[in-house]
Protein backbone atom coordinates (compact mmCIF):
# COMPACT_ATOMS: atom_id res chain seq x y z
CA LYS A 1 2.88 -10.92 -52.41
CA GLY A 2 0.41 -8.16 -51.23
CA GLU A 3 -2.23 -10.95 -50.11
CA THR A 4 -5.08 -10.06 -48.27
CA ILE A 5 -5.22 -11.50 -44.70
CA GLU A 6 -9.03 -10.49 -44.43
CA ASP A 7 -11.12 -12.86 -42.49
CA ASP A 8 -8.31 -15.03 -42.12
CA LYS A 9 -7.80 -16.87 -38.38
CA ALA A 10 -4.35 -15.43 -37.71
CA VAL A 11 -5.87 -11.71 -37.54
CA GLU A 12 -8.57 -13.43 -34.86
CA ARG A 13 -5.99 -15.17 -32.95
CA LEU A 14 -3.73 -12.18 -32.90
CA CYS A 15 -6.56 -9.67 -31.54
CA TYR A 16 -6.75 -12.80 -28.68
CA LEU A 17 -3.20 -12.97 -28.05
CA ARG A 18 -3.18 -9.07 -27.74
CA THR A 19 -5.99 -9.12 -25.23
CA VAL A 20 -4.93 -12.10 -23.58
CA MET A 21 -1.21 -9.94 -22.80
CA GLU A 22 -3.56 -6.69 -22.09
CA LYS A 23 -4.80 -8.49 -19.08
CA ILE A 24 -2.13 -10.47 -17.77
CA ARG A 25 0.07 -6.82 -17.65
CA PRO A 26 -1.55 -6.11 -13.91
CA ILE A 27 -0.85 -9.39 -12.89
CA GLU A 28 2.87 -9.39 -14.03
CA HIS A 29 3.64 -6.04 -12.35
CA LYS A 30 2.56 -7.36 -9.00
CA LEU A 31 4.45 -10.44 -9.41
CA LYS A 32 7.41 -8.72 -10.59
CA TYR A 33 9.45 -9.31 -7.36
CA GLN A 34 8.82 -12.89 -7.28
CA ILE A 35 9.49 -13.75 -10.58
CA ASP A 36 12.72 -11.53 -10.66
CA LYS A 37 13.64 -13.54 -7.42
CA CYS A 38 12.92 -16.96 -8.54
CA VAL A 39 14.39 -16.55 -12.15
CA LYS A 40 17.71 -15.19 -10.09
CA ILE A 41 17.58 -18.31 -8.32
CA ALA A 42 17.27 -20.50 -10.81
CA GLU A 43 20.48 -18.69 -12.58
CA THR A 44 22.73 -18.86 -9.60
CA GLY A 45 21.43 -22.17 -8.17
CA GLN A 46 21.77 -21.16 -4.97
CA VAL A 47 19.72 -18.78 -2.56
CA SER A 48 21.41 -16.11 0.47
CA LYS A 49 20.71 -16.62 3.64
CA ASP A 50 18.74 -13.53 4.39
CA ASP A 51 16.15 -14.72 1.96
CA PRO A 52 13.00 -14.12 3.01
CA SER A 53 11.61 -17.46 1.04
CA ARG A 54 13.75 -19.08 3.67
CA PHE A 55 12.06 -18.11 6.54
CA LYS A 56 9.58 -20.50 8.08
CA ALA A 57 7.38 -20.95 10.64
CA ASN A 58 8.76 -22.73 13.85
CA PRO A 59 6.69 -25.50 15.37
CA GLU A 60 7.68 -25.62 18.30
CA GLY A 61 7.56 -21.30 19.31
CA LEU A 62 4.02 -22.09 18.77
CA ALA A 63 3.42 -24.28 21.59
CA SER A 64 1.97 -22.69 24.52
CA LYS A 65 4.49 -21.45 27.25
CA LEU A 66 1.76 -20.43 29.70
CA ALA A 67 1.67 -24.76 30.41
CA GLU A 68 5.02 -25.18 31.06
CA ASP A 69 4.76 -22.23 33.74
CA VAL A 70 2.29 -23.61 35.77
CA SER A 71 3.03 -26.78 35.86
CA ASP A 72 6.53 -26.00 37.22
CA ASP A 73 4.53 -23.64 40.04
CA GLY A 74 2.30 -26.45 41.17
CA SER A 75 0.68 -24.15 43.51
CA ASP A 76 -2.21 -23.22 40.85
CA GLU A 77 -3.94 -26.49 41.22
CA ASP A 78 -7.54 -24.96 41.62
CA GLU A 79 -6.69 -22.73 38.94
CA ASP A 80 -5.86 -24.98 36.26
CA ASP A 81 -8.66 -27.15 37.26
CA ASP A 82 -10.91 -23.89 36.40
CA GLU A 83 -9.03 -23.27 32.74
CA LYS A 84 -9.66 -27.11 31.98
CA ASP A 85 -13.75 -26.94 32.90
CA LYS A 86 -13.72 -24.13 30.76
CA SER A 87 -11.63 -25.34 27.57
CA LYS A 88 -14.27 -28.10 27.51
CA GLN A 89 -17.34 -25.81 27.26
CA LYS A 90 -18.90 -25.60 24.40
CA TYR A 91 -18.74 -21.53 22.99
CA VAL A 92 -22.31 -20.14 22.69
CA ALA A 93 -22.67 -17.08 20.41
CA PRO A 94 -24.67 -14.67 22.07
CA ARG A 95 -28.14 -14.13 20.64
CA ASN A 96 -28.93 -10.84 18.53
CA VAL A 97 -32.16 -9.63 19.80
CA PRO A 98 -34.07 -7.33 17.22
CA LYS A 99 -35.09 -4.06 17.52
CA HIS A 100 -36.94 -1.34 16.11
CA PHE A 101 -35.04 1.14 13.28
CA ASP A 102 -35.76 4.48 14.40
CA GLY A 103 -33.38 6.25 11.55
CA ASP A 104 -35.96 7.15 9.03
CA LYS A 105 -38.21 9.26 11.56
CA THR A 106 -37.48 12.79 12.45
CA LYS A 107 -36.86 14.09 15.48
CA GLU A 108 -40.61 15.40 15.91
CA GLU A 109 -41.67 11.92 14.99
CA LYS A 110 -38.78 11.02 17.81
CA GLU A 111 -40.29 12.86 20.80
CA PRO A 112 -43.93 12.07 21.22
CA ASN A 113 -42.86 8.17 21.15
CA SER A 114 -39.83 8.92 23.63
CA LEU A 115 -42.26 10.59 25.89
CA THR A 116 -44.72 7.45 25.80
CA ARG A 117 -41.89 5.28 26.49
CA LYS A 118 -40.47 6.80 29.09
CA LYS A 119 -44.30 6.78 30.99
CA ASN A 120 -44.67 3.38 30.62
CA LEU A 121 -41.49 2.87 31.98
CA LEU A 122 -42.45 4.98 35.48
């Protein structure tokens, strides 16, 4: 009918939706592979045997094999005690010692200071 749509809520809503679509486009591009894979699984209803999503961590493989080897030998009892003592100790981070920053000085300014330091050390 040729009615004007100026100052209509539909125009504001269309602008908002276009802005959202433009912001989502890079995210969609990054996730395209995962989205396509999920859609394919949803359509077919089955996952292939070599699909990376089927691979999961094996918690038994994360256990330390070293403990089993040492217990089999039985001759390294002294070393076992030392390792147990070390594992029970609390870690203390090294302290940072403040140091004067000489980065803004030129070579000429640094030379007299280094000579006086050497004299003081001797």
